[in-house]
Amino acid sequence: MNISHIEHIGIAVKDLNQAIPYYENILGLKCYNIEEVADQKVKTAFFKVGQTKIELLEPTSEESTIAKFIANKGEGVHHIAFNVDNVANTLTEVEEKGVRLIDKAPRKGAENLMIGFLHPKSTCSVLTELCQQPEK
């Protein structure tokens, strides 16, 4: 596995319109991208902090994993995402080491990243996302 950096930290919020002003007006960050990922039932907003991003995640359905997370734990840090060279290979590698996977194969996430999640029961209770940058 070759992790180059923390790609982003995902933060679950009830409402992007209420959360974005904190990051912009208090922290002085600039929201540079808002997009909906329909198959994940989530709307995202991104901020850059150096090479790392903050990803705010607003559920678009009560059936989304983000809505369920907020209902169980409240708003807050949802996951940490690491940038890897190849998500498919890394998922295979960690599964061979006994890590339980949420995603057996990469899927498309926000910002055209290929992503795969590791189950928190195998990752010291931290939902872990692996991300691969899009081909240029």
C-alpha atoms as a PDB file:
ATOM      1  CA  MET A   1       0.000   0.000   0.000  1.00  0.00           C
ATOM      2  CA  ASN A   2       1.283   3.441  -0.884  1.00  0.00           C
ATOM      3  CA  ILE A   3      -0.534   6.260   0.957  1.00  0.00           C
ATOM      4  CA  SER A   4       0.674   9.637  -0.316  1.00  0.00           C
ATOM      5  CA  HIS A   5      -1.412  11.922   1.902  1.00  0.00           C
ATOM      6  CA  ILE A   6      -4.697  12.461   3.707  1.00  0.00           C
ATOM      7  CA  GLU A   7      -7.061  13.185   0.821  1.00  0.00           C
ATOM      8  CA  HIS A   8      -9.858  14.550   2.992  1.00  0.00           C
ATOM      9  CA  ILE A   9     -11.691  14.401   6.273  1.00  0.00           C
ATOM     10  CA  GLY A  10     -15.427  13.803   5.894  1.00  0.00           C
ATOM     11  CA  ILE A  11     -17.753  15.650   8.255  1.00  0.00           C
ATOM     12  CA  ALA A  12     -21.460  14.828   8.462  1.00  0.00           C
ATOM     13  CA  VAL A  13     -23.744  17.869   8.681  1.00  0.00           C
ATOM     14  CA  LYS A  14     -27.500  18.286   8.654  1.00  0.00           C
ATOM     15  CA  ASP A  15     -27.471  21.317   6.360  1.00  0.00           C
ATOM     16  CA  LEU A  16     -24.676  22.601   4.108  1.00  0.00           C
ATOM     17  CA  ASN A  17     -26.224  26.075   4.054  1.00  0.00           C
ATOM     18  CA  GLN A  18     -25.797  26.308   7.825  1.00  0.00           C
ATOM     19  CA  ALA A  19     -22.358  24.658   7.958  1.00  0.00           C
ATOM     20  CA  ILE A  20     -20.560  26.405   5.073  1.00  0.00           C
ATOM     21  CA  PRO A  21     -20.612  29.880   6.694  1.00  0.00           C
ATOM     22  CA  TYR A  22     -18.611  28.575   9.683  1.00  0.00           C
ATOM     23  CA  TYR A  23     -15.834  27.297   7.433  1.00  0.00           C
ATOM     24  CA  GLU A  24     -15.851  30.436   5.265  1.00  0.00           C
ATOM     25  CA  ASN A  25     -16.607  33.276   7.700  1.00  0.00           C
ATOM     26  CA  ILE A  26     -14.928  31.971  10.858  1.00  0.00           C
ATOM     27  CA  LEU A  27     -12.100  29.770   9.568  1.00  0.00           C
ATOM     28  CA  GLY A  28     -11.496  31.812   6.413  1.00  0.00           C
ATOM     29  CA  LEU A  29     -11.642  28.833   4.042  1.00  0.00           C
ATOM     30  CA  LYS A  30     -13.269  28.971   0.612  1.00  0.00           C
ATOM     31  CA  CYS A  31     -15.824  26.427  -0.529  1.00  0.00           C
ATOM     32  CA  TYR A  32     -14.618  25.551  -4.022  1.00  0.00           C
ATOM     33  CA  ASN A  33     -17.000  22.749  -4.993  1.00  0.00           C
ATOM     34  CA  ILE A  34     -20.531  21.625  -4.150  1.00  0.00           C
ATOM     35  CA  GLU A  35     -21.910  18.519  -5.807  1.00  0.00           C
ATOM     36  CA  GLU A  36     -24.500  15.844  -5.298  1.00  0.00           C
ATOM     37  CA  VAL A  37     -23.519  12.178  -5.419  1.00  0.00           C
ATOM     38  CA  ALA A  38     -26.939  10.727  -6.166  1.00  0.00           C
ATOM     39  CA  ASP A  39     -26.115   7.045  -5.690  1.00  0.00           C
ATOM     40  CA  GLN A  40     -24.736   7.794  -2.210  1.00  0.00           C
ATOM     41  CA  LYS A  41     -27.707  10.051  -1.376  1.00  0.00           C
ATOM     42  CA  VAL A  42     -25.414  12.869  -0.295  1.00  0.00           C
ATOM     43  CA  LYS A  43     -24.562  16.445  -1.204  1.00  0.00           C
ATOM     44  CA  THR A  44     -20.947  17.476  -0.609  1.00  0.00           C
ATOM     45  CA  ALA A  45     -19.068  20.743  -0.135  1.00  0.00           C
ATOM     46  CA  PHE A  46     -15.266  20.922  -0.297  1.00  0.00           C
ATOM     47  CA  PHE A  47     -12.654  23.202   1.274  1.00  0.00           C
ATOM     48  CA  LYS A  48      -8.871  22.999   0.838  1.00  0.00           C
ATOM     49  CA  VAL A  49      -6.451  23.209   3.751  1.00  0.00           C
ATOM     50  CA  GLY A  50      -3.001  22.823   2.217  1.00  0.00           C
ATOM     51  CA  GLN A  51      -3.011  19.500   0.372  1.00  0.00           C
ATOM     52  CA  THR A  52      -5.869  18.132   2.483  1.00  0.00           C
ATOM     53  CA  LYS A  53      -9.557  18.775   1.954  1.00  0.00           C
ATOM     54  CA  ILE A  54     -12.501  19.042   4.306  1.00  0.00           C
ATOM     55  CA  GLU A  55     -15.598  17.377   2.852  1.00  0.00           C
ATOM     56  CA  LEU A  56     -18.949  18.339   4.355  1.00  0.00           C
ATOM     57  CA  LEU A  57     -21.596  15.664   3.778  1.00  0.00           C
ATOM     58  CA  GLU A  58     -25.313  16.494   3.862  1.00  0.00           C
ATOM     59  CA  PRO A  59     -27.803  13.645   3.449  1.00  0.00           C
ATOM     60  CA  THR A  60     -30.297  14.004   0.598  1.00  0.00           C
ATOM     61  CA  SER A  61     -32.455  11.133   1.868  1.00  0.00           C
ATOM     62  CA  GLU A  62     -33.336   9.727   5.256  1.00  0.00           C
ATOM     63  CA  GLU A  63     -32.143   6.382   3.832  1.00  0.00           C
ATOM     64  CA  SER A  64     -28.571   7.605   3.280  1.00  0.00           C
ATOM     65  CA  THR A  65     -25.712   6.381   5.443  1.00  0.00           C
ATOM     66  CA  ILE A  66     -25.004  10.011   6.398  1.00  0.00           C
ATOM     67  CA  ALA A  67     -28.579  10.512   7.651  1.00  0.00           C
ATOM     68  CA  LYS A  68     -28.287   7.304   9.696  1.00  0.00           C
ATOM     69  CA  PHE A  69     -24.902   8.414  11.058  1.00  0.00           C
ATOM     70  CA  ILE A  70     -26.324  11.790  12.157  1.00  0.00           C
ATOM     71  CA  ALA A  71     -29.368  10.099  13.729  1.00  0.00           C
ATOM     72  CA  ASN A  72     -27.108   7.756  15.747  1.00  0.00           C
ATOM     73  CA  LYS A  73     -24.116   9.945  16.561  1.00  0.00           C
ATOM     74  CA  GLY A  74     -25.002  13.519  15.629  1.00  0.00           C
ATOM     75  CA  GLU A  75     -23.088  15.814  13.343  1.00  0.00           C
ATOM     76  CA  GLY A  76     -19.320  15.486  13.287  1.00  0.00           C
ATOM     77  CA  VAL A  77     -16.334  13.660  11.872  1.00  0.00           C
ATOM     78  CA  HIS A  78     -17.582  10.782   9.737  1.00  0.00           C
ATOM     79  CA  HIS A  79     -14.456   9.390   8.041  1.00  0.00           C
ATOM     80  CA  ILE A  80     -10.850   9.916   7.072  1.00  0.00           C
ATOM     81  CA  ALA A  81      -9.751   9.385   3.479  1.00  0.00           C
ATOM     82  CA  PHE A  82      -6.284   8.453   2.296  1.00  0.00           C
ATOM     83  CA  ASN A  83      -4.950   8.922  -1.221  1.00  0.00           C
ATOM     84  CA  VAL A  84      -3.537   5.724  -2.735  1.00  0.00           C
ATOM     85  CA  ASP A  85      -2.128   4.887  -6.166  1.00  0.00           C
ATOM     86  CA  ASN A  86      -4.655   2.168  -6.945  1.00  0.00           C
ATOM     87  CA  VAL A  87      -7.836   1.606  -4.925  1.00  0.00           C
ATOM     88  CA  ALA A  88      -8.572  -1.831  -6.417  1.00  0.00           C
ATOM     89  CA  ASN A  89      -5.132  -3.188  -5.563  1.00  0.00           C
ATOM     90  CA  THR A  90      -5.200  -1.629  -2.101  1.00  0.00           C
ATOM     91  CA  LEU A  91      -8.631  -3.120  -1.318  1.00  0.00           C
ATOM     92  CA  THR A  92      -7.311  -6.555  -2.313  1.00  0.00           C
ATOM     93  CA  GLU A  93      -4.160  -6.058  -0.251  1.00  0.00           C
ATOM     94  CA  VAL A  94      -5.934  -5.031   2.944  1.00  0.00           C
ATOM     95  CA  GLU A  95      -8.576  -7.756   2.586  1.00  0.00           C
ATOM     96  CA  GLU A  96      -5.775 -10.337   2.323  1.00  0.00           C
ATOM     97  CA  LYS A  97      -4.480  -8.926   5.633  1.00  0.00           C
ATOM     98  CA  GLY A  98      -7.855  -9.608   7.266  1.00  0.00           C
ATOM     99  CA  VAL A  99      -9.496  -6.184   6.983  1.00  0.00           C
ATOM    100  CA  ARG A 100     -13.265  -6.249   6.493  1.00  0.00           C
ATOM    101  CA  LEU A 101     -14.346  -4.246   3.445  1.00  0.00           C
ATOM    102  CA  ILE A 102     -17.468  -2.200   2.848  1.00  0.00           C
ATOM    103  CA  ASP A 103     -16.595  -1.964  -0.859  1.00  0.00           C
ATOM    104  CA  LYS A 104     -15.198  -5.082  -2.554  1.00  0.00           C
ATOM    105  CA  ALA A 105     -14.453  -3.016  -5.679  1.00  0.00           C
ATOM    106  CA  PRO A 106     -13.804   0.682  -6.298  1.00  0.00           C
ATOM    107  CA  ARG A 107     -16.735   2.946  -7.085  1.00  0.00           C
ATOM    108  CA  LYS A 108     -17.029   6.529  -8.230  1.00  0.00           C
ATOM    109  CA  GLY A 109     -17.198   9.199  -5.535  1.00  0.00           C
ATOM    110  CA  ALA A 110     -17.292  12.989  -5.421  1.00  0.00           C
ATOM    111  CA  GLU A 111     -14.778  14.925  -7.518  1.00  0.00           C
ATOM    112  CA  ASN A 112     -14.455  11.936  -9.906  1.00  0.00           C
ATOM    113  CA  LEU A 113     -12.360  10.017  -7.384  1.00  0.00           C
ATOM    114  CA  MET A 114     -12.407   6.235  -7.359  1.00  0.00           C
ATOM    115  CA  ILE A 115     -13.151   5.234  -3.774  1.00  0.00           C
ATOM    116  CA  GLY A 116     -13.470   2.235  -1.490  1.00  0.00           C
ATOM    117  CA  PHE A 117     -14.371   2.067   2.190  1.00  0.00           C
ATOM    118  CA  LEU A 118     -12.911  -0.163   4.897  1.00  0.00           C
ATOM    119  CA  HIS A 119     -15.239  -1.294   7.667  1.00  0.00           C
ATOM    120  CA  PRO A 120     -14.672   0.470  11.008  1.00  0.00           C
ATOM    121  CA  LYS A 121     -14.842  -2.877  12.842  1.00  0.00           C
ATOM    122  CA  SER A 122     -11.447  -3.633  11.234  1.00  0.00           C
ATOM    123  CA  THR A 123      -9.939  -0.138  11.463  1.00  0.00           C
ATOM    124  CA  CYS A 124      -9.940   0.757  15.169  1.00  0.00           C
ATOM    125  CA  SER A 125     -13.501   2.150  14.847  1.00  0.00           C
ATOM    126  CA  VAL A 126     -12.502   4.774  12.252  1.00  0.00           C
ATOM    127  CA  LEU A 127     -14.402   4.616   8.967  1.00  0.00           C
ATOM    128  CA  THR A 128     -11.575   4.677   6.431  1.00  0.00           C
ATOM    129  CA  GLU A 129     -11.874   5.652   2.781  1.00  0.00           C
ATOM    130  CA  LEU A 130      -9.281   4.943   0.113  1.00  0.00           C
ATOM    131  CA  CYS A 131      -9.197   7.399  -2.791  1.00  0.00           C
ATOM    132  CA  GLN A 132      -7.563   7.321  -6.197  1.00  0.00           C
ATOM    133  CA  GLN A 133      -7.153  10.501  -8.233  1.00  0.00           C
ATOM    134  CA  PRO A 134      -8.882  10.518 -11.639  1.00  0.00           C
ATOM    135  CA  GLU A 135      -6.829   9.775 -14.733  1.00  0.00           C
ATOM    136  CA  LYS A 136      -5.734  12.933 -16.488  1.00  0.00           C
END
